[in-house]
Amino acid sequence: MNRRERVWKALNHQVPDRVPLDFGSRISGLALASYENLKKRFGIEIPTQVLDKRTGLALVDESILDRFDIDTRYIYLKPSRSWNPMIRPMEDTFVDEWGATLKRPKDGFYYDHVEYPIKEPTKEAIQKHHWPNPDDPTRLEGLKEEARAFYEKGYALGTVIKGVFETTCILRGFEQVLSDIALNQDFYHALADKTADVLSRMVEHLLSEVGSYLQFVCVTCDLATQLNLMISPDHYKIFVKPYEKRIFEVVKRKSRAKVAQHSCGAVFRLIPELIDSGIQILNPIQTSAKGMDTKLLKREYGQDLCFWGGIDVQKILPCGTPGEVEREVKRVIDDLAAGGGVLLGPSHDIQAFTPVENIVALFQSAVKYGLYPHM
C-alpha cells in the first residue's frame, strides 16, 4: 500500500502493513539547530528554509523525510499578502496577522507574545480591532497545485490551523483570557464568537480549495499544563467547546478529512468532552505529562480516538541514549498500535541540541518494530 493508504487505514482503526510515521509539521517539527546537525550527518548541502519563524522550526527536506520513511506531508494557509509584520531587527520583534507583537529573547530559540492588541474587555474593542481578512484569496495561492502534487505521489496530506481558545489568548493574553472567563463572560463569548467566525471562514475557503486531498485537519488548542488542566471540564464545555466545534463541523461538512485536536499536557480528564466535541485524533500524546499513560489511553479511548505522536521530546529524545529511544519507541508501539489507530511521531517539535543519533534511532526503531504481522 502507498503512504496515504497506510495512514488512512490507521486513522480508520484498521490494520495497515506497518505503523505510519509522522514528522516535519508545525507540531511535529525540528528545531533549526538540530536540523543543521541532521543535514551534516547526511551530507545535505541545500540551504535551510524556515517553516515557522515563531517556534524556530526548519522546513525538513524531502530527502530526509523519505530517508525516515515518513508517510505524511503538509500544506498550510498562507498569510495574507496585505499583512505587514513590521519586523524590527534591532529589537528582534515582529507583529503577527492577529496584531500581537512577538519578541525573541537574547540567545533564545522562540518568539514570545509580549503585546496583545485587544486591550479593553469591551465589544467596541472587538469591533474596532483590525481582524485578518478570512476571505483574502492570496491565502490560497498555489495550494491546490501543492496538494495535488503530494497526493499524486501517494502521501497522506494534513494541515494545521489555530483553534479559537489559542487565538483569543493571542488577542488578549493567556492570563487575561482566564480573567475574562471569570469576570467578563459576556465579553469573552463575544470575542470567541468573532474569532470562531474568522477561523471557520478561513477553514471553509481552505477546504473548498484542497479538501479532497486532505486526510486530516489538526486544530491547535492547548488545554493543559504538565500536571493538570488549564481550564476545568465545566468551563471547557461553556467557553471553549462550542467555538472549537464550529471549526470541526466545517471540516466534516467540507471534506472527508479526520478532525485532530492538538493539546499538550495532562488532558486525560478532558478526553470525554473532546470526543463529544467531534475530534477523532488526539495529538501529541505527551507521555511525560501527568496521567498520559499510553496503555490507559488505548484501553479507555482506543475505540473512539486515534493517537498521533507519543515519542517524548522532553527527556527521552534530548537526554536519552539511542538504546533508550529504541526501547521507548517499542513500548509506545506495543501500547498503542494494536488494531490500528496510531500515527507515530515525536510528541511535539524536536528541540535544539537533540542528538542526531536519537532522531535517527526514533525512525529506524519505528520501522523495525512497526510491522503489524508481529503484533
Protein backbone atom coordinates (compact mmCIF):
# COMPACT_ATOMS: atom_id res chain seq x y z
CA MET A 1 0.00 0.00 0.00
CA ASN A 2 1.13 3.58 -0.53
CA ARG A 3 1.70 6.02 2.30
CA ARG A 4 -1.73 7.60 2.08
CA GLU A 5 -3.46 4.22 2.22
CA ARG A 6 -1.34 3.26 5.24
CA VAL A 7 -2.29 6.39 7.17
CA TRP A 8 -5.95 6.22 6.14
CA LYS A 9 -6.27 2.64 7.32
CA ALA A 10 -4.71 3.50 10.67
CA LEU A 11 -6.96 6.54 11.13
CA ASN A 12 -9.97 4.33 10.44
CA HIS A 13 -8.93 1.85 13.13
CA GLN A 14 -7.86 -0.72 10.58
CA VAL A 15 -4.56 -2.58 10.34
CA PRO A 16 -2.12 -1.34 7.67
CA ASP A 17 1.14 -3.07 6.73
CA ARG A 18 3.11 -1.07 9.34
CA VAL A 19 2.65 1.74 11.80
CA PRO A 20 2.53 5.01 9.82
CA LEU A 21 5.06 7.72 10.68
CA ASP A 22 4.74 11.48 11.01
CA PHE A 23 7.44 14.17 11.15
CA GLY A 24 8.11 17.65 9.84
CA SER A 25 4.94 19.63 10.58
CA ARG A 26 4.46 22.71 12.73
CA ILE A 27 3.56 20.43 15.64
CA SER A 28 5.99 17.57 14.89
CA GLY A 29 8.87 19.57 13.50
CA LEU A 30 12.59 20.03 14.03
CA ALA A 31 14.42 22.96 15.60
CA LEU A 32 16.76 24.79 13.25
CA ALA A 33 19.91 23.93 15.23
CA SER A 34 19.08 20.22 15.25
CA TYR A 35 18.22 20.35 11.58
CA GLU A 36 21.65 21.74 10.74
CA ASN A 37 23.23 18.82 12.61
CA LEU A 38 21.00 16.36 10.78
CA LYS A 39 21.99 17.86 7.43
CA LYS A 40 25.67 17.43 8.30
CA ARG A 41 25.04 13.81 9.27
CA PHE A 42 23.54 13.05 5.87
CA GLY A 43 25.78 15.33 3.79
CA ILE A 44 22.91 17.59 2.69
CA GLU A 45 24.15 20.96 1.49
CA ILE A 46 20.97 22.72 0.33
CA PRO A 47 20.13 25.99 2.13
CA THR A 48 17.89 25.72 5.17
CA GLN A 49 14.39 27.16 4.89
CA VAL A 50 12.31 28.25 7.87
CA LEU A 51 8.96 26.53 8.33
CA ASP A 52 7.82 28.55 11.34
CA LYS A 53 9.62 31.67 12.50
CA ARG A 54 7.84 31.88 15.86
CA THR A 55 8.85 28.41 17.02
CA GLY A 56 12.18 28.28 15.18
CA LEU A 57 11.41 25.26 13.01
CA ALA A 58 13.13 24.19 9.82
CA LEU A 59 11.40 23.04 6.67
CA VAL A 60 12.65 19.45 6.61
CA ASP A 61 13.98 18.47 3.19
CA GLU A 62 12.19 15.77 1.21
CA SER A 63 15.32 13.65 1.09
CA ILE A 64 15.31 13.39 4.90
CA LEU A 65 11.58 12.68 5.09
CA ASP A 66 11.99 9.88 2.56
CA ARG A 67 15.08 8.52 4.34
CA PHE A 68 12.99 8.24 7.53
CA ASP A 69 10.01 6.65 5.69
CA ILE A 70 7.69 9.49 6.71
CA ASP A 71 4.15 8.95 5.44
CA THR A 72 2.75 12.46 5.92
CA ARG A 73 3.17 15.79 4.17
CA TYR A 74 1.62 19.18 4.96
CA ILE A 75 0.17 22.27 3.39
CA TYR A 76 -0.80 25.45 5.24
CA LEU A 77 -2.91 28.51 4.66
CA LYS A 78 -0.64 31.35 3.61
CA PRO A 79 -0.60 34.72 5.35
CA SER A 80 -2.43 37.47 3.52
CA ARG A 81 -0.24 39.40 1.11
CA SER A 82 -1.51 42.56 2.77
CA TRP A 83 -0.02 41.56 6.15
CA ASN A 84 2.80 43.81 7.32
CA PRO A 85 4.84 42.03 10.04
CA MET A 86 6.60 45.29 10.98
CA ILE A 87 9.86 43.46 11.65
CA ARG A 88 12.33 45.30 13.89
CA PRO A 89 15.69 43.50 13.65
CA MET A 90 17.34 45.51 16.43
CA GLU A 91 14.61 44.56 18.93
CA ASP A 92 14.09 41.15 17.26
CA THR A 93 10.33 41.64 17.16
CA PHE A 94 7.53 41.27 14.63
CA VAL A 95 3.74 41.56 14.58
CA ASP A 96 1.59 38.60 13.61
CA GLU A 97 -1.55 38.69 11.47
CA TRP A 98 -3.78 38.98 14.53
CA GLY A 99 -1.97 42.14 15.64
CA ALA A 100 0.06 40.69 18.52
CA THR A 101 3.73 41.59 18.97
CA LEU A 102 6.28 38.80 19.39
CA LYS A 103 9.84 39.12 20.67
CA ARG A 104 12.73 36.66 20.86
CA PRO A 105 14.90 36.88 23.99
CA LYS A 106 18.63 37.28 23.51
CA ASP A 107 20.12 33.89 22.53
CA GLY A 108 16.60 32.41 22.59
CA PHE A 109 15.10 29.89 20.18
CA TYR A 110 11.46 31.07 20.14
CA TYR A 111 9.48 34.26 19.86
CA ASP A 112 7.15 35.02 22.78
CA HIS A 113 3.96 37.05 22.61
CA VAL A 114 4.69 40.25 24.54
CA GLU A 115 1.92 42.64 23.47
CA TYR A 116 -1.73 41.92 22.77
CA PRO A 117 -3.93 44.02 20.50
CA ILE A 118 -7.36 43.94 22.23
CA LYS A 119 -6.62 45.68 25.47
CA GLU A 120 -10.07 46.57 26.80
CA PRO A 121 -12.75 43.96 27.58
CA THR A 122 -15.46 45.72 25.56
CA LYS A 123 -17.47 44.77 22.50
CA GLU A 124 -16.46 48.10 20.98
CA ALA A 125 -12.80 46.99 21.18
CA ILE A 126 -13.70 43.79 19.34
CA GLN A 127 -15.45 45.75 16.60
CA LYS A 128 -12.59 48.23 16.21
CA HIS A 129 -9.87 45.58 16.04
CA HIS A 130 -8.23 45.09 12.64
CA TRP A 131 -9.13 41.45 12.07
CA PRO A 132 -7.40 39.28 9.47
CA ASN A 133 -9.48 39.03 6.31
CA PRO A 134 -10.55 35.37 6.11
CA ASP A 135 -11.79 35.81 2.54
CA ASP A 136 -8.47 37.04 1.12
CA PRO A 137 -7.75 34.80 -1.91
CA THR A 138 -3.98 35.32 -1.56
CA ARG A 139 -4.07 32.83 1.33
CA LEU A 140 -4.79 30.05 -1.16
CA GLU A 141 -2.27 30.82 -3.88
CA GLY A 142 -0.59 27.68 -5.15
CA LEU A 143 -2.13 25.42 -2.51
CA LYS A 144 -4.19 23.29 -4.89
CA GLU A 145 -1.16 22.53 -7.06
CA GLU A 146 0.96 21.76 -3.99
CA ALA A 147 -1.70 19.49 -2.53
CA ARG A 148 -2.27 17.67 -5.80
CA ALA A 149 1.46 17.01 -6.19
CA PHE A 150 1.72 15.39 -2.75
CA TYR A 151 -1.48 13.43 -3.35
CA GLU A 152 -0.28 12.06 -6.68
CA LYS A 153 2.94 10.88 -5.03
CA GLY A 154 0.85 8.83 -2.59
CA TYR A 155 1.48 10.80 0.61
CA ALA A 156 -1.07 11.33 3.37
CA LEU A 157 -1.77 15.04 3.48
CA GLY A 158 -2.60 17.12 6.54
CA THR A 159 -2.84 20.70 7.66
CA VAL A 160 -2.61 22.55 10.98
CA ILE A 161 -4.69 25.57 11.94
CA LYS A 162 -5.15 27.67 15.07
CA GLY A 163 -8.09 26.99 17.35
CA VAL A 164 -10.35 29.59 18.90
CA PHE A 165 -9.12 29.38 22.51
CA GLU A 166 -5.49 29.70 21.42
CA THR A 167 -6.33 32.69 19.22
CA THR A 168 -8.23 34.53 21.94
CA CYS A 169 -5.05 34.20 24.02
CA ILE A 170 -3.11 35.79 21.16
CA LEU A 171 -5.60 38.64 21.08
CA ARG A 172 -5.81 39.21 24.85
CA GLY A 173 -3.01 37.27 26.55
CA PHE A 174 -3.40 33.96 28.34
CA GLU A 175 -3.76 35.33 31.87
CA GLN A 176 -6.21 37.97 30.72
CA VAL A 177 -8.36 35.38 28.90
CA LEU A 178 -8.66 33.36 32.10
CA SER A 179 -9.65 36.55 33.91
CA ASP A 180 -12.22 37.31 31.20
CA ILE A 181 -13.74 33.85 31.62
CA ALA A 182 -14.08 34.51 35.36
CA LEU A 183 -15.04 38.19 35.37
CA ASN A 184 -16.14 39.32 31.88
CA GLN A 185 -18.04 36.39 30.48
CA ASP A 186 -20.26 38.30 28.03
CA PHE A 187 -17.17 39.91 26.58
CA TYR A 188 -15.33 36.60 26.29
CA HIS A 189 -18.25 34.97 24.47
CA ALA A 190 -18.36 37.90 22.03
CA LEU A 191 -14.60 37.65 21.45
CA ALA A 192 -14.72 33.87 20.96
CA ASP A 193 -17.72 34.17 18.63
CA LYS A 194 -15.92 36.65 16.38
CA THR A 195 -12.71 34.60 16.47
CA ALA A 196 -14.60 31.42 15.59
CA ASP A 197 -16.27 33.20 12.68
CA VAL A 198 -12.94 34.35 11.22
CA LEU A 199 -11.23 30.97 11.68
CA SER A 200 -14.20 28.98 10.36
CA ARG A 201 -14.30 31.04 7.19
CA MET A 202 -10.56 30.55 6.70
CA VAL A 203 -11.01 26.80 7.04
CA GLU A 204 -14.02 26.81 4.73
CA HIS A 205 -12.04 28.52 1.97
CA LEU A 206 -9.08 26.19 2.50
CA LEU A 207 -11.23 23.07 2.24
CA SER A 208 -13.09 24.39 -0.79
CA GLU A 209 -9.70 24.56 -2.46
CA VAL A 210 -7.92 21.41 -1.22
CA GLY A 211 -10.38 19.43 0.93
CA SER A 212 -10.49 16.50 -1.48
CA TYR A 213 -6.74 15.94 -0.97
CA LEU A 214 -6.61 16.08 2.84
CA GLN A 215 -6.66 13.10 5.21
CA PHE A 216 -6.61 15.08 8.47
CA VAL A 217 -7.02 18.62 9.77
CA CYS A 218 -5.44 19.46 13.13
CA VAL A 219 -6.80 22.30 15.27
CA THR A 220 -4.34 23.55 17.90
CA CYS A 221 -5.78 24.30 21.32
CA ASP A 222 -3.51 23.76 24.33
CA LEU A 223 -5.71 23.00 27.32
CA ALA A 224 -3.35 21.59 29.95
CA THR A 225 -0.09 22.06 31.76
CA GLN A 226 2.41 19.35 32.63
CA LEU A 227 0.38 18.44 35.73
CA ASN A 228 -3.25 19.38 35.17
CA LEU A 229 -5.86 21.09 33.05
CA MET A 230 -5.62 24.85 32.46
CA ILE A 231 -9.40 25.08 32.35
CA SER A 232 -11.93 22.92 34.15
CA PRO A 233 -14.13 20.48 32.20
CA ASP A 234 -17.18 22.57 33.13
CA HIS A 235 -15.60 25.77 31.81
CA TYR A 236 -14.37 23.92 28.72
CA LYS A 237 -17.99 22.96 27.93
CA ILE A 238 -19.14 26.57 28.20
CA PHE A 239 -16.25 28.71 26.97
CA VAL A 240 -14.21 26.56 24.58
CA LYS A 241 -16.14 23.60 23.20
CA PRO A 242 -18.92 25.48 21.34
CA TYR A 243 -16.42 27.59 19.44
CA GLU A 244 -13.88 24.89 18.59
CA LYS A 245 -16.79 22.68 17.50
CA ARG A 246 -17.74 25.21 14.82
CA ILE A 247 -14.38 24.61 13.13
CA PHE A 248 -14.71 20.83 13.48
CA GLU A 249 -18.14 20.96 11.86
CA VAL A 250 -16.76 22.87 8.87
CA VAL A 251 -14.08 20.21 8.39
CA LYS A 252 -16.65 17.42 8.41
CA ARG A 253 -19.03 19.28 6.11
CA LYS A 254 -16.41 20.27 3.55
CA SER A 255 -14.18 17.17 3.41
CA ARG A 256 -13.65 13.54 4.36
CA ALA A 257 -10.67 14.54 6.49
CA LYS A 258 -10.41 13.36 10.07
CA VAL A 259 -10.51 16.02 12.78
CA ALA A 260 -7.48 16.14 15.07
CA GLN A 261 -7.07 18.16 18.27
CA HIS A 262 -3.60 19.26 19.33
CA SER A 263 -3.29 19.84 23.04
CA CYS A 264 -0.10 19.41 25.02
CA GLY A 265 -0.11 18.40 28.64
CA ALA A 266 -2.26 16.36 31.00
CA VAL A 267 -5.54 16.30 29.09
CA PHE A 268 -6.70 12.83 30.17
CA ARG A 269 -9.65 14.08 32.27
CA LEU A 270 -10.91 16.18 29.38
CA ILE A 271 -10.88 13.45 26.73
CA PRO A 272 -14.59 12.54 27.00
CA GLU A 273 -15.50 16.15 26.25
CA LEU A 274 -13.02 16.30 23.37
CA ILE A 275 -14.59 13.20 21.84
CA ASP A 276 -18.07 14.67 22.29
CA SER A 277 -16.92 17.85 20.54
CA GLY A 278 -16.19 15.79 17.43
CA ILE A 279 -12.46 15.07 17.43
CA GLN A 280 -11.26 11.77 16.01
CA ILE A 281 -7.49 12.07 16.58
CA LEU A 282 -5.65 13.23 19.70
CA ASN A 283 -2.22 14.83 19.35
CA PRO A 284 0.57 14.94 20.57
CA ILE A 285 0.26 12.31 23.38
CA GLN A 286 2.68 13.96 25.78
CA THR A 287 3.65 10.88 27.74
CA SER A 288 5.76 12.89 30.19
CA ALA A 289 2.65 14.76 31.41
CA LYS A 290 0.71 13.51 34.42
CA GLY A 291 -1.79 10.77 33.66
CA MET A 292 -0.92 10.41 29.97
CA ASP A 293 -0.26 6.68 30.21
CA THR A 294 -0.32 5.08 26.77
CA LYS A 295 -1.76 1.74 27.93
CA LEU A 296 -4.56 3.51 29.77
CA LEU A 297 -5.28 5.81 26.83
CA LYS A 298 -5.60 2.87 24.46
CA ARG A 299 -7.75 0.85 26.85
CA GLU A 300 -10.12 3.68 27.74
CA TYR A 301 -10.36 5.60 24.48
CA GLY A 302 -8.84 3.49 21.72
CA GLN A 303 -12.27 2.69 20.27
CA ASP A 304 -13.09 6.37 19.81
CA LEU A 305 -9.73 8.04 19.19
CA CYS A 306 -6.64 7.63 17.10
CA PHE A 307 -3.39 8.60 18.81
CA TRP A 308 -0.85 10.75 16.99
CA GLY A 309 2.68 11.40 18.29
CA GLY A 310 3.76 9.71 21.50
CA ILE A 311 7.60 9.76 21.47
CA ASP A 312 8.77 12.03 24.26
CA VAL A 313 10.65 15.19 23.21
CA GLN A 314 11.27 16.43 26.76
CA LYS A 315 13.50 13.73 28.22
CA ILE A 316 13.90 10.63 26.05
CA LEU A 317 14.89 12.26 22.76
CA PRO A 318 17.13 15.09 24.06
CA CYS A 319 18.65 13.32 27.06
CA GLY A 320 18.41 9.56 26.45
CA THR A 321 20.68 7.19 24.57
CA PRO A 322 19.80 5.65 21.20
CA GLY A 323 19.07 2.41 23.06
CA GLU A 324 16.65 4.18 25.39
CA VAL A 325 14.96 5.82 22.40
CA GLU A 326 14.58 2.41 20.75
CA ARG A 327 13.03 0.92 23.87
CA GLU A 328 10.61 3.84 24.20
CA VAL A 329 9.53 3.55 20.57
CA LYS A 330 8.87 -0.16 21.03
CA ARG A 331 6.93 0.48 24.24
CA VAL A 332 4.68 3.11 22.66
CA ILE A 333 4.03 0.92 19.61
CA ASP A 334 3.21 -2.05 21.85
CA ASP A 335 0.80 0.08 23.89
CA LEU A 336 -0.98 1.96 21.11
CA ALA A 337 -0.70 0.22 17.76
CA ALA A 338 -2.79 -2.94 18.11
CA GLY A 339 -5.73 -2.84 15.70
CA GLY A 340 -4.56 0.37 14.05
CA GLY A 341 -5.38 3.80 15.40
CA VAL A 342 -1.89 5.25 15.75
CA LEU A 343 0.19 7.74 13.75
CA LEU A 344 3.62 7.59 15.39
CA GLY A 345 5.98 10.53 15.72
CA PRO A 346 7.53 12.95 18.20
CA SER A 347 5.27 14.26 20.95
CA HIS A 348 5.83 17.80 19.65
CA ASP A 349 8.68 19.61 17.91
CA ILE A 350 12.12 18.04 18.37
CA GLN A 351 14.18 20.62 20.22
CA ALA A 352 17.59 22.18 19.65
CA PHE A 353 20.56 20.12 20.89
CA THR A 354 18.70 16.82 20.49
CA PRO A 355 21.39 14.30 19.46
CA VAL A 356 21.23 13.32 15.81
CA GLU A 357 21.71 9.67 16.82
CA ASN A 358 18.48 9.80 18.80
CA ILE A 359 16.50 11.29 15.94
CA VAL A 360 17.77 8.56 13.64
CA ALA A 361 17.02 5.91 16.30
CA LEU A 362 13.42 7.11 16.58
CA PHE A 363 12.55 6.44 12.96
CA GLN A 364 14.74 3.38 12.46
CA SER A 365 13.14 1.79 15.53
CA ALA A 366 9.66 2.74 14.36
CA VAL A 367 10.19 0.87 11.11
CA LYS A 368 11.84 -2.04 12.94
CA TYR A 369 9.03 -2.57 15.46
CA GLY A 370 6.11 -1.18 13.48
CA LEU A 371 5.37 -4.13 11.19
CA TYR A 372 1.92 -5.45 12.00
CA PRO A 373 2.38 -9.22 11.47
CA HIS A 374 4.32 -9.45 14.75
CA MET A 375 1.59 -7.78 16.84
